[in-house]
């Protein structure tokens, strides 16, 4: 068995710090998470956290980055199924990066700015897949439903929603998502 290189050790330590930071930002929010707390739970010195990340703001920015995903299914045309698949994935395993931002954005202006910056392109992709004059409003409603479900399931941990299977939640939401993502009956389709 080969001995890990210094670079390997550094990457593992950095990944452990980042995983700990994601969890703590998600559990405690930005204001209550400290560099010392992250360092203590990650089993490192606070100075090492600062060395790797530079500041609490930079650590939060890295912790709040969503995982790299493949190209959005919404670009392929079926916004409903793309959103439901994304939601099912987030319901299947706790999305700590998203939770860190959602918990923190109400009390921290930087977190709110990060949320808006990340949400803008996603809302645009959703809007493009909706053939209705009020596509932006419909995209906003779909996004609000997704975020509301995530908040209630993981942050508020409200009864049945916290315990329901992702499949059941998705099946209950499918008709609503289809209605919002479709052209309105008798309404004007969106002008490109």
Protein backbone atom coordinates (compact mmCIF):
# COMPACT_ATOMS: atom_id res chain seq x y z
CA UNK A 1 0.00 0.00 0.00
CA UNK A 2 1.39 3.38 -1.00
CA UNK A 3 1.69 6.20 1.46
CA UNK A 4 -0.54 9.20 0.63
CA UNK A 5 1.31 12.23 -0.71
CA UNK A 6 1.19 15.58 1.04
CA UNK A 7 -1.14 16.80 -1.71
CA UNK A 8 -3.47 13.83 -1.04
CA UNK A 9 -3.44 14.57 2.68
CA UNK A 10 -4.15 18.25 2.02
CA UNK A 11 -7.09 17.42 -0.28
CA UNK A 12 -8.56 15.04 2.30
CA UNK A 13 -8.16 17.57 5.10
CA UNK A 14 -9.69 20.33 2.99
CA UNK A 15 -12.60 18.04 2.02
CA UNK A 16 -13.18 17.11 5.69
CA UNK A 17 -13.21 20.80 6.69
CA UNK A 18 -15.60 21.62 3.84
CA UNK A 19 -17.96 18.74 4.70
CA UNK A 20 -17.99 19.85 8.34
CA UNK A 21 -18.63 23.47 7.32
CA UNK A 22 -21.53 22.45 5.04
CA UNK A 23 -23.13 20.50 7.86
CA UNK A 24 -22.69 23.27 10.43
CA UNK A 25 -23.85 26.07 8.11
CA UNK A 26 -26.89 23.94 7.28
CA UNK A 27 -27.62 23.17 10.95
CA UNK A 28 -26.75 26.52 12.52
CA UNK A 29 -26.84 29.09 9.74
CA UNK A 30 -24.11 31.58 8.88
CA UNK A 31 -24.18 33.72 12.00
CA UNK A 32 -23.96 30.86 14.51
CA UNK A 33 -21.28 28.89 12.66
CA UNK A 34 -17.74 29.80 13.68
CA UNK A 35 -14.32 29.00 12.28
CA UNK A 36 -13.38 27.51 15.68
CA UNK A 37 -16.50 25.35 15.66
CA UNK A 38 -15.76 24.04 12.17
CA UNK A 39 -12.13 23.41 13.08
CA UNK A 40 -13.01 21.60 16.31
CA UNK A 41 -15.52 19.30 14.63
CA UNK A 42 -13.17 18.65 11.70
CA UNK A 43 -10.32 17.82 14.11
CA UNK A 44 -7.99 20.57 12.93
CA UNK A 45 -6.67 23.89 14.18
CA UNK A 46 -8.65 27.06 13.39
CA UNK A 47 -5.52 28.49 11.76
CA UNK A 48 -5.54 25.64 9.24
CA UNK A 49 -9.14 26.44 8.28
CA UNK A 50 -8.09 30.05 7.72
CA UNK A 51 -5.02 28.92 5.75
CA UNK A 52 -7.14 26.79 3.39
CA UNK A 53 -10.13 29.10 3.03
CA UNK A 54 -8.99 32.61 4.03
CA UNK A 55 -12.11 33.77 5.89
CA UNK A 56 -15.50 32.67 7.13
CA UNK A 57 -17.12 34.32 4.09
CA UNK A 58 -14.91 32.38 1.68
CA UNK A 59 -15.51 29.14 3.61
CA UNK A 60 -19.26 29.77 3.40
CA UNK A 61 -19.05 30.51 -0.33
CA UNK A 62 -17.30 27.17 -0.94
CA UNK A 63 -19.65 25.28 1.41
CA UNK A 64 -22.70 26.74 -0.32
CA UNK A 65 -21.58 25.78 -3.83
CA UNK A 66 -24.02 23.26 -5.27
CA UNK A 67 -22.51 20.00 -6.50
CA UNK A 68 -21.57 20.02 -10.17
CA UNK A 69 -24.43 18.51 -12.14
CA UNK A 70 -24.93 17.39 -15.68
CA UNK A 71 -26.71 19.69 -18.13
CA UNK A 72 -30.24 20.50 -17.03
CA UNK A 73 -33.00 18.29 -18.35
CA UNK A 74 -35.07 21.47 -18.64
CA UNK A 75 -32.93 22.42 -21.63
CA UNK A 76 -34.20 19.26 -23.32
CA UNK A 77 -37.75 20.63 -23.08
CA UNK A 78 -39.52 18.87 -20.22
CA UNK A 79 -39.31 21.35 -17.38
CA UNK A 80 -41.76 19.37 -15.23
CA UNK A 81 -39.77 16.15 -15.19
CA UNK A 82 -36.46 17.97 -14.84
CA UNK A 83 -37.71 19.79 -11.73
CA UNK A 84 -39.29 16.69 -10.25
CA UNK A 85 -36.12 14.64 -10.82
CA UNK A 86 -34.02 17.35 -9.20
CA UNK A 87 -36.44 17.55 -6.26
CA UNK A 88 -36.44 13.76 -5.83
CA UNK A 89 -32.64 13.77 -5.71
CA UNK A 90 -32.68 16.50 -3.06
CA UNK A 91 -35.31 14.63 -1.04
CA UNK A 92 -33.37 11.38 -1.24
CA UNK A 93 -30.25 12.79 0.42
CA UNK A 94 -30.05 15.94 2.48
CA UNK A 95 -28.72 18.78 0.27
CA UNK A 96 -26.37 20.39 2.79
CA UNK A 97 -25.05 23.06 0.42
CA UNK A 98 -28.60 24.22 -0.37
CA UNK A 99 -29.59 24.06 3.28
CA UNK A 100 -26.59 26.16 4.28
CA UNK A 101 -27.76 28.92 1.95
CA UNK A 102 -31.48 28.56 2.75
CA UNK A 103 -30.92 28.68 6.51
CA UNK A 104 -28.47 31.58 6.25
CA UNK A 105 -30.08 33.79 3.60
CA UNK A 106 -32.66 35.27 5.94
CA UNK A 107 -30.06 36.66 8.34
CA UNK A 108 -27.00 37.21 6.17
CA UNK A 109 -26.94 39.58 3.19
CA UNK A 110 -24.06 37.70 1.49
CA UNK A 111 -25.99 34.43 1.69
CA UNK A 112 -29.06 36.13 0.24
CA UNK A 113 -26.95 37.56 -2.60
CA UNK A 114 -25.46 34.12 -3.30
CA UNK A 115 -28.94 32.63 -3.40
CA UNK A 116 -30.20 35.26 -5.84
CA UNK A 117 -27.12 34.85 -8.05
CA UNK A 118 -27.53 31.06 -8.17
CA UNK A 119 -31.30 31.19 -8.61
CA UNK A 120 -31.30 33.66 -11.51
CA UNK A 121 -29.92 31.36 -14.24
CA UNK A 122 -31.98 28.43 -12.96
CA UNK A 123 -35.19 30.50 -13.04
CA UNK A 124 -34.31 31.61 -16.58
CA UNK A 125 -33.92 27.98 -17.70
CA UNK A 126 -37.25 27.07 -16.12
CA UNK A 127 -38.94 30.12 -17.67
CA UNK A 128 -37.65 29.20 -21.15
CA UNK A 129 -39.33 25.80 -20.86
CA UNK A 130 -42.78 27.21 -20.08
CA UNK A 131 -44.92 28.20 -23.10
CA UNK A 132 -47.06 30.83 -21.36
CA UNK A 133 -47.19 34.64 -21.31
CA UNK A 134 -46.69 34.57 -17.53
CA UNK A 135 -43.81 32.07 -17.70
CA UNK A 136 -41.64 34.05 -15.23
CA UNK A 137 -44.37 33.97 -12.58
CA UNK A 138 -44.96 30.26 -13.17
CA UNK A 139 -41.21 29.56 -12.91
CA UNK A 140 -41.12 31.50 -9.64
CA UNK A 141 -44.01 29.47 -8.26
CA UNK A 142 -42.37 26.19 -9.22
CA UNK A 143 -39.12 27.31 -7.59
CA UNK A 144 -40.98 28.41 -4.45
CA UNK A 145 -42.68 25.04 -4.16
CA UNK A 146 -39.35 23.20 -4.48
CA UNK A 147 -37.68 25.40 -1.88
CA UNK A 148 -40.67 25.23 0.43
CA UNK A 149 -40.64 21.44 0.36
CA UNK A 150 -36.88 21.39 1.08
CA UNK A 151 -37.24 23.88 3.95
CA UNK A 152 -40.16 22.03 5.56
CA UNK A 153 -38.55 18.60 5.16
CA UNK A 154 -35.05 19.43 6.40
CA UNK A 155 -35.06 22.70 8.32
CA UNK A 156 -38.48 22.64 9.97
CA UNK A 157 -38.80 18.84 9.93
CA UNK A 158 -42.58 19.00 9.80
CA UNK A 159 -44.26 15.64 10.42
CA UNK A 160 -45.49 13.80 7.34
CA UNK A 161 -43.36 15.79 4.87
CA UNK A 162 -40.19 15.00 6.82
CA UNK A 163 -41.00 11.29 6.78
CA UNK A 164 -42.61 10.83 3.34
CA UNK A 165 -40.78 8.97 0.61
CA UNK A 166 -39.35 11.13 -2.20
CA UNK A 167 -41.37 9.08 -4.70
CA UNK A 168 -44.67 9.82 -2.93
CA UNK A 169 -43.93 13.55 -2.69
CA UNK A 170 -42.99 13.72 -6.37
CA UNK A 171 -46.13 11.86 -7.47
CA UNK A 172 -48.34 14.22 -5.45
CA UNK A 173 -46.62 17.27 -6.93
CA UNK A 174 -46.52 16.07 -10.56
CA UNK A 175 -50.06 17.31 -11.53
CA UNK A 176 -49.40 20.71 -9.98
CA UNK A 177 -46.02 21.04 -11.75
CA UNK A 178 -47.54 19.97 -15.06
CA UNK A 179 -50.29 22.56 -14.73
CA UNK A 180 -47.83 25.35 -13.92
CA UNK A 181 -45.41 24.37 -16.71
CA UNK A 182 -48.11 24.12 -19.42
CA UNK A 183 -49.61 26.78 -21.62
CA UNK A 184 -52.82 28.07 -20.05
CA UNK A 185 -56.05 26.84 -21.58
CA UNK A 186 -57.45 29.64 -23.69
CA UNK A 187 -54.51 31.84 -22.71
CA UNK A 188 -51.93 33.39 -24.91
CA UNK A 189 -48.75 31.40 -25.36
CA UNK A 190 -45.50 33.10 -24.52
CA UNK A 191 -43.99 35.22 -27.25
CA UNK A 192 -40.31 34.27 -27.75
